N, C-alpha and C. Protein backbone atom coordinates (compact mmCIF):
# COMPACT_ATOMS: atom_id res chain seq x y z
N MET A 1 -44.10 55.16 92.19
CA MET A 1 -44.90 54.14 91.57
C MET A 1 -44.29 52.78 91.91
N LYS A 2 -45.10 51.90 92.44
CA LYS A 2 -44.64 50.57 92.81
C LYS A 2 -45.27 49.53 91.88
N LEU A 3 -44.42 48.79 91.20
CA LEU A 3 -44.88 47.73 90.29
C LEU A 3 -44.54 46.39 90.92
N GLU A 4 -45.51 45.47 90.90
CA GLU A 4 -45.32 44.12 91.45
C GLU A 4 -45.94 43.10 90.51
N LEU A 5 -45.33 41.93 90.47
CA LEU A 5 -45.94 40.79 89.79
C LEU A 5 -46.41 39.80 90.83
N LYS A 6 -47.61 39.32 90.68
CA LYS A 6 -48.13 38.28 91.57
C LYS A 6 -48.74 37.18 90.71
N ASN A 7 -48.98 36.05 91.34
CA ASN A 7 -49.59 34.90 90.65
C ASN A 7 -48.81 34.51 89.40
N VAL A 8 -47.49 34.49 89.52
CA VAL A 8 -46.65 34.17 88.36
C VAL A 8 -46.72 32.68 88.08
N LYS A 9 -47.08 32.36 86.84
CA LYS A 9 -47.08 30.97 86.38
C LYS A 9 -46.04 30.91 85.27
N TYR A 10 -45.05 30.04 85.45
CA TYR A 10 -43.93 29.95 84.51
C TYR A 10 -43.86 28.55 83.95
N ALA A 11 -43.66 28.44 82.64
CA ALA A 11 -43.55 27.15 81.98
C ALA A 11 -42.17 27.03 81.33
N ALA A 12 -41.24 26.41 82.05
CA ALA A 12 -39.87 26.27 81.54
C ALA A 12 -39.85 25.47 80.24
N PHE A 13 -40.68 24.43 80.15
CA PHE A 13 -40.66 23.57 78.97
C PHE A 13 -41.09 24.32 77.71
N ALA A 14 -41.88 25.37 77.84
CA ALA A 14 -42.37 26.11 76.68
C ALA A 14 -41.55 27.36 76.40
N SER A 15 -40.58 27.66 77.24
CA SER A 15 -39.75 28.85 77.06
C SER A 15 -38.65 28.56 76.05
N GLN A 16 -38.71 29.24 74.93
CA GLN A 16 -37.70 29.04 73.90
C GLN A 16 -36.80 30.26 73.80
N GLU A 17 -37.28 31.34 73.24
CA GLU A 17 -36.46 32.55 73.11
C GLU A 17 -36.73 33.53 74.25
N THR A 18 -37.90 33.47 74.82
CA THR A 18 -38.26 34.32 75.96
C THR A 18 -38.92 33.43 77.00
N HIS A 19 -39.14 33.98 78.19
CA HIS A 19 -39.83 33.22 79.24
C HIS A 19 -41.30 33.05 78.86
N CYS A 20 -41.81 31.84 79.02
CA CYS A 20 -43.23 31.58 78.83
C CYS A 20 -43.88 31.72 80.21
N PHE A 21 -44.73 32.74 80.36
CA PHE A 21 -45.30 33.00 81.67
C PHE A 21 -46.64 33.72 81.55
N GLU A 22 -47.33 33.77 82.68
CA GLU A 22 -48.52 34.59 82.85
C GLU A 22 -48.49 35.10 84.28
N ALA A 23 -48.86 36.35 84.49
CA ALA A 23 -48.83 36.93 85.83
C ALA A 23 -49.81 38.09 85.91
N THR A 24 -50.07 38.51 87.14
CA THR A 24 -50.91 39.68 87.37
C THR A 24 -50.00 40.83 87.77
N LEU A 25 -50.13 41.96 87.07
CA LEU A 25 -49.35 43.16 87.37
C LEU A 25 -50.16 44.06 88.30
N TYR A 26 -49.52 44.43 89.42
CA TYR A 26 -50.12 45.37 90.36
C TYR A 26 -49.35 46.69 90.27
N VAL A 27 -50.09 47.79 90.23
CA VAL A 27 -49.49 49.11 90.23
C VAL A 27 -49.98 49.83 91.47
N ASP A 28 -49.05 50.20 92.34
CA ASP A 28 -49.37 50.85 93.61
C ASP A 28 -50.41 50.06 94.40
N GLY A 29 -50.26 48.74 94.40
CA GLY A 29 -51.11 47.86 95.19
C GLY A 29 -52.44 47.50 94.55
N LYS A 30 -52.72 48.00 93.35
CA LYS A 30 -54.00 47.71 92.68
C LYS A 30 -53.76 46.79 91.48
N ARG A 31 -54.66 45.78 91.34
CA ARG A 31 -54.59 44.90 90.16
C ARG A 31 -54.78 45.76 88.93
N PHE A 32 -53.81 45.68 88.04
CA PHE A 32 -53.81 46.58 86.89
C PHE A 32 -53.98 45.83 85.57
N ALA A 33 -53.23 44.74 85.39
CA ALA A 33 -53.25 44.04 84.10
C ALA A 33 -52.77 42.61 84.27
N THR A 34 -53.15 41.79 83.30
CA THR A 34 -52.58 40.46 83.16
C THR A 34 -51.49 40.58 82.11
N VAL A 35 -50.30 40.09 82.45
CA VAL A 35 -49.18 40.14 81.50
C VAL A 35 -48.77 38.70 81.20
N SER A 36 -48.36 38.47 79.95
CA SER A 36 -48.00 37.11 79.57
C SER A 36 -47.06 37.13 78.38
N ASN A 37 -46.46 35.98 78.13
CA ASN A 37 -45.62 35.79 76.96
C ASN A 37 -45.69 34.31 76.61
N GLU A 38 -45.76 34.00 75.33
CA GLU A 38 -45.88 32.61 74.89
C GLU A 38 -44.53 31.89 74.84
N GLY A 39 -43.44 32.62 75.01
CA GLY A 39 -42.13 32.00 75.07
C GLY A 39 -41.46 31.75 73.74
N HIS A 40 -42.01 32.27 72.66
CA HIS A 40 -41.45 32.03 71.32
C HIS A 40 -40.69 33.25 70.80
N GLY A 41 -40.33 34.17 71.66
CA GLY A 41 -39.72 35.42 71.22
C GLY A 41 -40.79 36.48 71.11
N GLY A 42 -40.40 37.70 71.04
CA GLY A 42 -41.36 38.78 70.90
C GLY A 42 -41.73 39.40 72.23
N CYS A 43 -42.56 40.41 72.14
CA CYS A 43 -42.94 41.20 73.31
C CYS A 43 -43.96 40.49 74.18
N ASN A 44 -44.10 41.02 75.39
CA ASN A 44 -45.12 40.53 76.31
C ASN A 44 -46.48 41.10 75.91
N TYR A 45 -47.52 40.40 76.30
CA TYR A 45 -48.88 40.90 76.11
C TYR A 45 -49.34 41.52 77.42
N GLU A 46 -50.06 42.63 77.31
CA GLU A 46 -50.63 43.28 78.50
C GLU A 46 -52.12 43.45 78.27
N TYR A 47 -52.91 42.85 79.16
CA TYR A 47 -54.36 42.96 79.08
C TYR A 47 -54.86 43.66 80.33
N PRO A 48 -55.44 44.86 80.18
CA PRO A 48 -55.88 45.60 81.37
C PRO A 48 -57.01 44.87 82.09
N ILE A 49 -57.02 45.04 83.40
CA ILE A 49 -58.10 44.49 84.23
C ILE A 49 -59.01 45.66 84.59
N ALA A 50 -60.31 45.53 84.35
CA ALA A 50 -61.27 46.61 84.62
C ALA A 50 -61.11 47.10 86.05
N PRO A 51 -61.16 48.35 86.29
CA PRO A 51 -61.61 49.47 85.45
C PRO A 51 -60.53 50.06 84.56
N PHE A 52 -59.34 49.47 84.50
CA PHE A 52 -58.26 50.01 83.68
C PHE A 52 -58.47 49.63 82.22
N THR A 53 -57.91 50.45 81.32
CA THR A 53 -58.10 50.26 79.89
C THR A 53 -56.74 50.27 79.18
N ASP A 54 -56.77 50.05 77.88
CA ASP A 54 -55.55 50.13 77.07
C ASP A 54 -54.91 51.51 77.18
N ARG A 55 -55.74 52.53 77.32
CA ARG A 55 -55.22 53.89 77.48
C ARG A 55 -54.38 54.00 78.76
N ASP A 56 -54.81 53.32 79.83
CA ASP A 56 -54.04 53.33 81.08
C ASP A 56 -52.69 52.62 80.91
N ILE A 57 -52.67 51.56 80.12
CA ILE A 57 -51.42 50.87 79.85
C ILE A 57 -50.48 51.78 79.07
N LYS A 58 -51.02 52.53 78.11
CA LYS A 58 -50.21 53.47 77.35
C LYS A 58 -49.65 54.56 78.27
N LYS A 59 -50.47 55.06 79.18
CA LYS A 59 -50.01 56.08 80.14
C LYS A 59 -48.91 55.52 81.05
N LEU A 60 -49.07 54.26 81.48
CA LEU A 60 -48.07 53.62 82.33
C LEU A 60 -46.75 53.49 81.57
N ASN A 61 -46.82 53.11 80.30
CA ASN A 61 -45.62 53.03 79.47
C ASN A 61 -44.91 54.37 79.39
N GLU A 62 -45.67 55.44 79.21
CA GLU A 62 -45.10 56.79 79.13
C GLU A 62 -44.46 57.17 80.47
N LYS A 63 -45.12 56.82 81.57
CA LYS A 63 -44.60 57.14 82.90
C LYS A 63 -43.29 56.37 83.16
N ILE A 64 -43.26 55.12 82.76
CA ILE A 64 -42.05 54.30 82.92
C ILE A 64 -40.91 54.90 82.09
N ALA A 65 -41.19 55.29 80.85
CA ALA A 65 -40.17 55.88 79.98
C ALA A 65 -39.62 57.18 80.58
N ALA A 66 -40.47 57.94 81.27
CA ALA A 66 -40.04 59.21 81.85
C ALA A 66 -39.28 59.01 83.17
N GLU A 67 -39.68 58.02 83.98
CA GLU A 67 -39.13 57.86 85.33
C GLU A 67 -37.95 56.91 85.42
N TYR A 68 -37.90 55.90 84.58
CA TYR A 68 -36.84 54.89 84.65
C TYR A 68 -35.67 55.31 83.76
N PRO A 69 -34.46 54.96 84.16
CA PRO A 69 -33.31 55.30 83.30
C PRO A 69 -33.37 54.49 82.00
N PRO A 70 -32.86 55.06 80.91
CA PRO A 70 -32.89 54.32 79.64
C PRO A 70 -32.00 53.08 79.69
N ILE A 71 -32.27 52.15 78.81
CA ILE A 71 -31.45 50.96 78.67
C ILE A 71 -30.30 51.32 77.73
N VAL A 72 -29.07 51.13 78.18
CA VAL A 72 -27.89 51.47 77.39
C VAL A 72 -27.27 50.19 76.86
N PHE A 73 -27.03 50.17 75.56
CA PHE A 73 -26.41 49.02 74.91
C PHE A 73 -24.93 49.31 74.74
N ASP A 74 -24.10 48.43 75.26
CA ASP A 74 -22.66 48.57 75.07
C ASP A 74 -22.30 48.16 73.65
N ASP A 75 -21.13 48.53 73.24
CA ASP A 75 -20.63 48.17 71.91
C ASP A 75 -20.14 46.73 71.95
N TYR A 76 -21.07 45.78 72.09
CA TYR A 76 -20.70 44.39 72.28
C TYR A 76 -20.50 43.63 70.98
N ASP A 77 -20.97 44.17 69.87
CA ASP A 77 -20.87 43.41 68.62
C ASP A 77 -19.87 44.00 67.63
N GLY A 78 -19.12 45.02 68.06
CA GLY A 78 -18.09 45.58 67.21
C GLY A 78 -18.60 46.54 66.15
N LEU A 79 -19.89 46.81 66.12
CA LEU A 79 -20.42 47.75 65.13
C LEU A 79 -20.14 49.18 65.59
N GLU A 80 -20.29 50.11 64.68
CA GLU A 80 -19.97 51.50 64.96
C GLU A 80 -21.07 52.20 65.75
N ARG A 81 -21.45 51.64 66.87
CA ARG A 81 -22.44 52.27 67.73
C ARG A 81 -21.81 52.49 69.08
N ASP A 82 -21.86 53.68 69.57
CA ASP A 82 -21.32 53.95 70.89
C ASP A 82 -22.45 54.17 71.88
N ASN A 83 -22.64 53.19 72.72
CA ASN A 83 -23.62 53.29 73.80
C ASN A 83 -24.99 53.75 73.34
N ASP A 84 -25.54 53.07 72.35
CA ASP A 84 -26.92 53.34 71.96
C ASP A 84 -27.82 53.08 73.15
N SER A 85 -28.96 53.72 73.17
CA SER A 85 -29.89 53.50 74.28
C SER A 85 -31.31 53.55 73.77
N MET A 86 -32.21 53.07 74.60
CA MET A 86 -33.64 53.15 74.30
C MET A 86 -34.37 53.37 75.62
N PRO A 87 -35.52 54.03 75.57
CA PRO A 87 -36.25 54.26 76.82
C PRO A 87 -36.80 52.95 77.38
N GLN A 88 -36.94 52.91 78.69
CA GLN A 88 -37.56 51.75 79.34
C GLN A 88 -39.02 51.67 78.91
N SER A 89 -39.57 50.48 78.99
CA SER A 89 -40.98 50.26 78.67
C SER A 89 -41.54 49.25 79.65
N LEU A 90 -42.84 49.15 79.66
CA LEU A 90 -43.50 48.16 80.52
C LEU A 90 -43.01 46.76 80.16
N ASP A 91 -42.81 46.51 78.88
CA ASP A 91 -42.34 45.21 78.42
C ASP A 91 -40.99 44.86 79.06
N CYS A 92 -40.05 45.80 79.04
CA CYS A 92 -38.72 45.56 79.61
C CYS A 92 -38.80 45.40 81.12
N VAL A 93 -39.59 46.24 81.77
CA VAL A 93 -39.70 46.18 83.23
C VAL A 93 -40.31 44.85 83.66
N VAL A 94 -41.36 44.42 82.99
CA VAL A 94 -41.99 43.14 83.32
C VAL A 94 -41.02 42.00 83.07
N GLY A 95 -40.27 42.05 81.98
CA GLY A 95 -39.26 41.03 81.71
C GLY A 95 -38.25 40.93 82.84
N GLY A 96 -37.80 42.07 83.32
CA GLY A 96 -36.87 42.09 84.45
C GLY A 96 -37.49 41.55 85.72
N MET A 97 -38.76 41.85 85.93
CA MET A 97 -39.45 41.35 87.12
C MET A 97 -39.61 39.83 87.07
N VAL A 98 -39.87 39.29 85.88
CA VAL A 98 -39.96 37.83 85.74
C VAL A 98 -38.59 37.21 86.01
N ASN A 99 -37.53 37.82 85.49
CA ASN A 99 -36.17 37.32 85.76
C ASN A 99 -35.89 37.32 87.26
N ASP A 100 -36.25 38.41 87.95
CA ASP A 100 -36.04 38.50 89.41
C ASP A 100 -36.84 37.43 90.14
N HIS A 101 -38.08 37.21 89.70
CA HIS A 101 -38.93 36.19 90.33
C HIS A 101 -38.29 34.81 90.20
N LEU A 102 -37.80 34.49 89.01
CA LEU A 102 -37.18 33.18 88.79
C LEU A 102 -35.88 33.04 89.57
N LEU A 103 -35.10 34.11 89.65
CA LEU A 103 -33.87 34.09 90.43
C LEU A 103 -34.17 33.87 91.91
N ASP A 104 -35.16 34.59 92.43
CA ASP A 104 -35.53 34.43 93.85
C ASP A 104 -36.00 33.01 94.13
N LYS A 105 -36.75 32.44 93.21
CA LYS A 105 -37.22 31.07 93.37
C LYS A 105 -36.04 30.08 93.41
N GLU A 106 -35.07 30.30 92.54
CA GLU A 106 -33.87 29.45 92.52
C GLU A 106 -33.09 29.59 93.83
N ILE A 107 -32.95 30.81 94.31
CA ILE A 107 -32.21 31.04 95.57
C ILE A 107 -32.93 30.39 96.73
N LYS A 108 -34.24 30.56 96.81
CA LYS A 108 -35.01 29.98 97.93
C LYS A 108 -34.89 28.46 97.93
N ARG A 109 -34.88 27.87 96.74
CA ARG A 109 -34.71 26.42 96.65
C ARG A 109 -33.33 26.03 97.17
N ALA A 110 -32.30 26.79 96.79
CA ALA A 110 -30.93 26.49 97.23
C ALA A 110 -30.77 26.71 98.73
N LEU A 111 -31.54 27.63 99.30
CA LEU A 111 -31.41 27.92 100.73
C LEU A 111 -31.95 26.81 101.62
N ARG A 112 -32.48 25.76 101.02
CA ARG A 112 -32.86 24.59 101.81
C ARG A 112 -31.60 23.90 102.34
N ARG A 113 -30.49 24.15 101.67
CA ARG A 113 -29.19 23.66 102.11
C ARG A 113 -28.46 24.82 102.76
N ILE A 114 -27.30 24.57 103.29
CA ILE A 114 -26.48 25.63 103.83
C ILE A 114 -25.66 26.23 102.68
N LEU A 115 -25.77 27.54 102.47
CA LEU A 115 -25.00 28.24 101.46
C LEU A 115 -24.00 29.14 102.18
N PHE A 116 -22.77 29.15 101.71
CA PHE A 116 -21.79 30.03 102.34
C PHE A 116 -20.71 30.43 101.35
N ILE A 117 -20.03 31.53 101.68
CA ILE A 117 -18.82 31.91 100.98
C ILE A 117 -17.70 31.87 102.01
N GLU A 118 -16.49 31.55 101.57
CA GLU A 118 -15.39 31.33 102.51
C GLU A 118 -14.97 32.59 103.26
N SER A 119 -15.03 33.74 102.58
CA SER A 119 -14.63 34.99 103.22
C SER A 119 -15.33 36.14 102.50
N PRO A 120 -15.35 37.33 103.11
CA PRO A 120 -16.05 38.46 102.47
C PRO A 120 -15.52 38.81 101.09
N ASP A 121 -14.24 38.53 100.79
CA ASP A 121 -13.70 38.87 99.47
C ASP A 121 -13.82 37.73 98.47
N SER A 122 -14.36 36.60 98.89
CA SER A 122 -14.55 35.45 98.01
C SER A 122 -15.81 35.65 97.19
N LYS A 123 -15.82 35.10 95.97
CA LYS A 123 -16.99 35.22 95.11
C LYS A 123 -17.68 33.88 94.88
N ASP A 124 -17.06 32.79 95.31
CA ASP A 124 -17.62 31.47 95.09
C ASP A 124 -18.61 31.11 96.19
N VAL A 125 -19.80 30.68 95.78
CA VAL A 125 -20.82 30.24 96.73
C VAL A 125 -20.75 28.72 96.80
N TYR A 126 -20.66 28.20 98.02
CA TYR A 126 -20.62 26.76 98.25
C TYR A 126 -21.90 26.32 98.92
N THR A 127 -22.31 25.10 98.62
CA THR A 127 -23.51 24.55 99.27
C THR A 127 -23.11 23.33 100.07
N PHE A 128 -23.87 23.11 101.11
CA PHE A 128 -23.66 21.94 101.95
C PHE A 128 -25.04 21.39 102.25
N GLY A 129 -25.27 20.13 101.87
CA GLY A 129 -26.57 19.51 102.11
C GLY A 129 -26.90 19.51 103.59
N ALA A 130 -28.15 19.78 103.90
CA ALA A 130 -28.53 19.85 105.32
C ALA A 130 -29.98 19.46 105.49
N ALA A 131 -30.21 18.52 106.39
CA ALA A 131 -31.57 18.23 106.80
C ALA A 131 -31.95 19.29 107.82
N LYS A 132 -33.21 19.50 108.03
CA LYS A 132 -33.66 20.53 108.96
C LYS A 132 -33.06 20.36 110.36
N ASP A 133 -32.86 19.12 110.76
CA ASP A 133 -32.40 18.86 112.12
C ASP A 133 -30.95 19.25 112.37
N ASN A 134 -30.11 19.20 111.32
CA ASN A 134 -28.69 19.40 111.59
C ASN A 134 -28.11 20.67 110.97
N LYS A 135 -28.93 21.64 110.60
CA LYS A 135 -28.41 22.88 110.01
C LYS A 135 -27.49 23.62 110.97
N ASN A 136 -27.83 23.66 112.23
CA ASN A 136 -26.97 24.36 113.20
C ASN A 136 -25.62 23.67 113.33
N LEU A 137 -25.63 22.35 113.32
CA LEU A 137 -24.38 21.60 113.40
C LEU A 137 -23.52 21.90 112.17
N ILE A 138 -24.13 21.94 111.01
CA ILE A 138 -23.38 22.22 109.78
C ILE A 138 -22.85 23.65 109.80
N ARG A 139 -23.65 24.61 110.26
CA ARG A 139 -23.18 25.99 110.39
C ARG A 139 -21.92 26.04 111.26
N THR A 140 -21.97 25.32 112.37
CA THR A 140 -20.83 25.30 113.29
C THR A 140 -19.60 24.71 112.61
N LYS A 141 -19.77 23.62 111.86
CA LYS A 141 -18.64 23.00 111.17
C LYS A 141 -18.06 23.93 110.10
N VAL A 142 -18.94 24.61 109.36
CA VAL A 142 -18.47 25.53 108.32
C VAL A 142 -17.66 26.66 108.95
N LEU A 143 -18.20 27.25 110.02
CA LEU A 143 -17.51 28.37 110.67
C LEU A 143 -16.21 27.93 111.35
N LYS A 144 -16.15 26.67 111.78
CA LYS A 144 -14.92 26.16 112.37
C LYS A 144 -13.83 26.03 111.31
N LYS A 145 -14.22 25.51 110.13
CA LYS A 145 -13.25 25.33 109.05
C LYS A 145 -12.90 26.65 108.37
N TYR A 146 -13.90 27.53 108.21
CA TYR A 146 -13.71 28.82 107.56
C TYR A 146 -14.18 29.93 108.51
N PRO A 147 -13.32 30.40 109.40
CA PRO A 147 -13.74 31.37 110.42
C PRO A 147 -14.33 32.66 109.86
N GLN A 148 -13.93 33.04 108.65
CA GLN A 148 -14.46 34.27 108.06
C GLN A 148 -15.65 34.03 107.14
N ALA A 149 -16.13 32.81 107.12
CA ALA A 149 -17.23 32.46 106.21
C ALA A 149 -18.48 33.29 106.51
N ILE A 150 -19.20 33.57 105.45
CA ILE A 150 -20.50 34.23 105.58
C ILE A 150 -21.55 33.20 105.20
N ILE A 151 -22.43 32.90 106.13
CA ILE A 151 -23.52 31.95 105.88
C ILE A 151 -24.66 32.73 105.22
N LEU A 152 -24.92 32.44 103.96
CA LEU A 152 -25.93 33.19 103.21
C LEU A 152 -27.33 32.96 103.74
N ASN A 153 -27.57 31.82 104.38
CA ASN A 153 -28.89 31.53 104.95
C ASN A 153 -29.28 32.54 106.01
N ASP A 154 -28.28 33.21 106.61
CA ASP A 154 -28.55 34.16 107.68
C ASP A 154 -28.79 35.58 107.17
N LEU A 155 -28.67 35.79 105.86
CA LEU A 155 -28.82 37.12 105.28
C LEU A 155 -30.19 37.30 104.65
N PRO A 156 -30.64 38.56 104.51
CA PRO A 156 -31.89 38.81 103.78
C PRO A 156 -31.73 38.44 102.30
N LEU A 157 -32.82 38.10 101.66
CA LEU A 157 -32.81 37.66 100.27
C LEU A 157 -32.13 38.67 99.35
N GLU A 158 -32.33 39.97 99.59
CA GLU A 158 -31.72 41.00 98.75
C GLU A 158 -30.20 40.91 98.76
N GLU A 159 -29.61 40.62 99.91
CA GLU A 159 -28.16 40.49 100.00
C GLU A 159 -27.68 39.19 99.36
N VAL A 160 -28.44 38.13 99.52
CA VAL A 160 -28.06 36.84 98.92
C VAL A 160 -28.01 36.99 97.41
N ARG A 161 -28.94 37.77 96.83
CA ARG A 161 -28.96 38.02 95.39
C ARG A 161 -27.61 38.55 94.90
N ASN A 162 -27.03 39.46 95.66
CA ASN A 162 -25.74 40.06 95.26
C ASN A 162 -24.64 39.00 95.16
N TYR A 163 -24.62 38.07 96.10
CA TYR A 163 -23.61 37.01 96.07
C TYR A 163 -23.94 35.98 94.98
N TRP A 164 -25.23 35.74 94.77
CA TRP A 164 -25.66 34.69 93.85
C TRP A 164 -25.33 35.06 92.41
N SER A 165 -25.59 36.28 92.04
CA SER A 165 -25.34 36.68 90.65
C SER A 165 -23.99 37.31 90.53
């Protein structure tokens, strides 16, 4: 099962406790539902797109709970709970997809500059301002100063995510 969000509209100014957004959810390449959140906390809203119905959304939730690993809560607050968990839901999956969308957008904006790390074992990402005309010159200067540097602009987005977060 492939889930995708398209047509994501995000309102940072209205996001308080949760992301304020609206998007179209595609399931296996078919428009399935409109998902949204007002940004004031609480769950996402899911509105099926015909021919799908609320029953289809319920079935999708059940399928997600069965196929996705449960969410495990660490003992972060000192209470007597050891690794409590809850099943995944469409709400959680969509929330994660919105987070990924916003992260990708942030990375793509940063990739307008030269991004690099000094060496494969380094965790710090550095940026260097670059106009379109001189990116190759800047790459050369970075690699001259840091021979083991990894230029993140040359990597696929999935790999850049690993360094970014």
